[in-house]
């Protein structure tokens, strides 16, 4: 069973934020701009949801 404590949520958030920065860089480096813009938006929104959830669990 997976426990979603603040540590686990923090690691998930950190991973999503890192992937968000990487996908943002791919917007400028890749020829598939529209694809990376969509990926970047999706990952960024998920990262902020997990960030708020992590703060809510800790607080």
N, C-alpha and C. Protein backbone atom coordinates (compact mmCIF):
# COMPACT_ATOMS: atom_id res chain seq x y z
N UNK A 1 0.85 -1.19 0.00
CA UNK A 1 0.00 0.00 0.00
C UNK A 1 0.88 1.25 0.00
N UNK A 2 0.54 2.19 -0.83
CA UNK A 2 1.32 3.42 -0.94
C UNK A 2 0.74 4.45 0.02
N UNK A 3 1.64 5.01 0.84
CA UNK A 3 1.23 6.04 1.79
C UNK A 3 1.62 7.39 1.21
N UNK A 4 0.66 8.29 1.13
CA UNK A 4 0.93 9.62 0.59
C UNK A 4 1.15 10.60 1.74
N UNK A 5 2.30 10.49 2.38
CA UNK A 5 2.66 11.44 3.42
C UNK A 5 3.35 12.63 2.78
N UNK A 6 3.79 13.57 3.59
CA UNK A 6 4.38 14.78 3.03
C UNK A 6 5.70 14.51 2.31
N UNK A 7 6.42 13.48 2.72
CA UNK A 7 7.67 13.14 2.04
C UNK A 7 7.44 12.63 0.63
N UNK A 8 6.49 11.70 0.51
CA UNK A 8 6.16 11.15 -0.81
C UNK A 8 5.60 12.23 -1.73
N UNK A 9 4.68 13.04 -1.19
CA UNK A 9 4.12 14.12 -2.00
C UNK A 9 5.20 15.12 -2.39
N UNK A 10 6.16 15.36 -1.51
CA UNK A 10 7.26 16.27 -1.83
C UNK A 10 8.13 15.76 -2.97
N UNK A 11 8.42 14.46 -2.94
CA UNK A 11 9.22 13.89 -4.03
C UNK A 11 8.47 13.92 -5.36
N UNK A 12 7.16 13.64 -5.31
CA UNK A 12 6.36 13.70 -6.54
C UNK A 12 6.35 15.13 -7.08
N UNK A 13 6.16 16.10 -6.18
CA UNK A 13 6.14 17.50 -6.59
C UNK A 13 7.48 17.92 -7.18
N UNK A 14 8.58 17.51 -6.53
CA UNK A 14 9.91 17.84 -7.03
C UNK A 14 10.14 17.25 -8.42
N UNK A 15 9.72 16.01 -8.61
CA UNK A 15 9.87 15.37 -9.92
C UNK A 15 9.05 16.07 -10.99
N UNK A 16 7.82 16.45 -10.65
CA UNK A 16 6.98 17.14 -11.62
C UNK A 16 7.52 18.52 -11.95
N UNK A 17 8.04 19.24 -10.95
CA UNK A 17 8.61 20.56 -11.22
C UNK A 17 9.86 20.45 -12.08
N UNK A 18 10.67 19.42 -11.85
CA UNK A 18 11.86 19.21 -12.66
C UNK A 18 11.48 18.90 -14.11
N UNK A 19 10.48 18.03 -14.28
CA UNK A 19 10.03 17.71 -15.63
C UNK A 19 9.38 18.92 -16.30
N UNK A 20 8.74 19.76 -15.50
CA UNK A 20 8.15 20.98 -16.04
C UNK A 20 9.22 21.91 -16.59
N UNK A 21 10.32 22.05 -15.87
CA UNK A 21 11.42 22.90 -16.36
C UNK A 21 12.04 22.29 -17.63
N UNK A 22 12.18 20.97 -17.64
CA UNK A 22 12.74 20.31 -18.82
C UNK A 22 11.83 20.45 -20.04
N UNK A 23 10.53 20.28 -19.82
CA UNK A 23 9.60 20.44 -20.95
C UNK A 23 9.55 21.89 -21.43
N UNK A 24 9.74 22.84 -20.52
CA UNK A 24 9.82 24.24 -20.92
C UNK A 24 11.02 24.50 -21.80
N UNK A 25 12.13 23.86 -21.51
CA UNK A 25 13.32 24.01 -22.35
C UNK A 25 13.10 23.36 -23.72
N UNK A 26 12.38 22.24 -23.76
CA UNK A 26 12.12 21.57 -25.03
C UNK A 26 11.21 22.40 -25.94
N UNK A 27 10.43 23.32 -25.37
CA UNK A 27 9.60 24.20 -26.20
C UNK A 27 10.49 24.98 -27.16
N UNK A 28 11.64 25.43 -26.65
CA UNK A 28 12.54 26.24 -27.47
C UNK A 28 13.53 25.41 -28.27
N UNK A 29 13.83 24.20 -27.82
CA UNK A 29 14.85 23.40 -28.48
C UNK A 29 14.31 22.42 -29.52
N UNK A 30 13.03 22.11 -29.45
CA UNK A 30 12.47 21.10 -30.33
C UNK A 30 11.65 21.73 -31.46
N UNK A 31 11.48 20.96 -32.51
CA UNK A 31 10.65 21.43 -33.61
C UNK A 31 9.17 21.13 -33.37
N UNK A 32 8.88 20.28 -32.39
CA UNK A 32 7.49 19.94 -32.05
C UNK A 32 7.01 20.88 -30.93
N UNK A 33 6.93 22.16 -31.21
CA UNK A 33 6.58 23.15 -30.20
C UNK A 33 5.21 22.94 -29.60
N UNK A 34 4.21 22.70 -30.42
CA UNK A 34 2.84 22.57 -29.91
C UNK A 34 2.71 21.39 -28.95
N UNK A 35 3.38 20.29 -29.27
CA UNK A 35 3.36 19.13 -28.38
C UNK A 35 3.97 19.47 -27.03
N UNK A 36 5.13 20.13 -27.02
CA UNK A 36 5.80 20.44 -25.76
C UNK A 36 5.08 21.53 -24.97
N UNK A 37 4.38 22.42 -25.65
CA UNK A 37 3.58 23.41 -24.93
C UNK A 37 2.45 22.71 -24.17
N UNK A 38 1.80 21.75 -24.82
CA UNK A 38 0.72 21.01 -24.17
C UNK A 38 1.24 20.18 -23.01
N UNK A 39 2.38 19.51 -23.21
CA UNK A 39 2.99 18.71 -22.14
C UNK A 39 3.38 19.62 -20.98
N UNK A 40 3.97 20.76 -21.29
CA UNK A 40 4.41 21.70 -20.26
C UNK A 40 3.23 22.21 -19.43
N UNK A 41 2.15 22.56 -20.09
CA UNK A 41 0.97 23.03 -19.37
C UNK A 41 0.39 21.95 -18.47
N UNK A 42 0.27 20.75 -18.98
CA UNK A 42 -0.27 19.64 -18.20
C UNK A 42 0.60 19.33 -16.98
N UNK A 43 1.90 19.23 -17.18
CA UNK A 43 2.81 18.89 -16.09
C UNK A 43 2.87 20.02 -15.07
N UNK A 44 2.84 21.26 -15.52
CA UNK A 44 2.90 22.40 -14.61
C UNK A 44 1.65 22.46 -13.73
N UNK A 45 0.49 22.24 -14.32
CA UNK A 45 -0.75 22.25 -13.54
C UNK A 45 -0.74 21.12 -12.52
N UNK A 46 -0.31 19.93 -12.93
CA UNK A 46 -0.21 18.81 -11.99
C UNK A 46 0.78 19.11 -10.86
N UNK A 47 1.89 19.74 -11.20
CA UNK A 47 2.90 20.06 -10.18
C UNK A 47 2.33 21.03 -9.14
N UNK A 48 1.60 22.04 -9.59
CA UNK A 48 1.03 22.99 -8.65
C UNK A 48 -0.08 22.37 -7.81
N UNK A 49 -0.85 21.46 -8.38
CA UNK A 49 -1.86 20.75 -7.59
C UNK A 49 -1.20 19.92 -6.51
N UNK A 50 -0.14 19.19 -6.85
CA UNK A 50 0.57 18.40 -5.86
C UNK A 50 1.26 19.28 -4.82
N UNK A 51 1.74 20.45 -5.24
CA UNK A 51 2.39 21.37 -4.30
C UNK A 51 1.38 21.86 -3.27
N UNK A 52 0.20 22.25 -3.72
CA UNK A 52 -0.84 22.71 -2.79
C UNK A 52 -1.27 21.56 -1.89
N UNK A 53 -1.40 20.37 -2.43
CA UNK A 53 -1.78 19.20 -1.65
C UNK A 53 -0.73 18.89 -0.58
N UNK A 54 0.54 19.00 -0.94
CA UNK A 54 1.62 18.77 0.02
C UNK A 54 1.56 19.79 1.15
N UNK A 55 1.38 21.04 0.82
CA UNK A 55 1.29 22.09 1.85
C UNK A 55 0.07 21.86 2.73
N UNK A 56 -1.03 21.42 2.14
CA UNK A 56 -2.25 21.17 2.89
C UNK A 56 -2.07 20.00 3.86
N UNK A 57 -1.37 18.94 3.42
CA UNK A 57 -1.13 17.78 4.28
C UNK A 57 -0.22 18.16 5.46
N UNK A 58 0.81 18.95 5.19
CA UNK A 58 1.75 19.33 6.24
C UNK A 58 1.10 20.30 7.23
N UNK A 59 0.32 21.24 6.71
CA UNK A 59 -0.27 22.29 7.54
C UNK A 59 -1.41 21.88 8.33
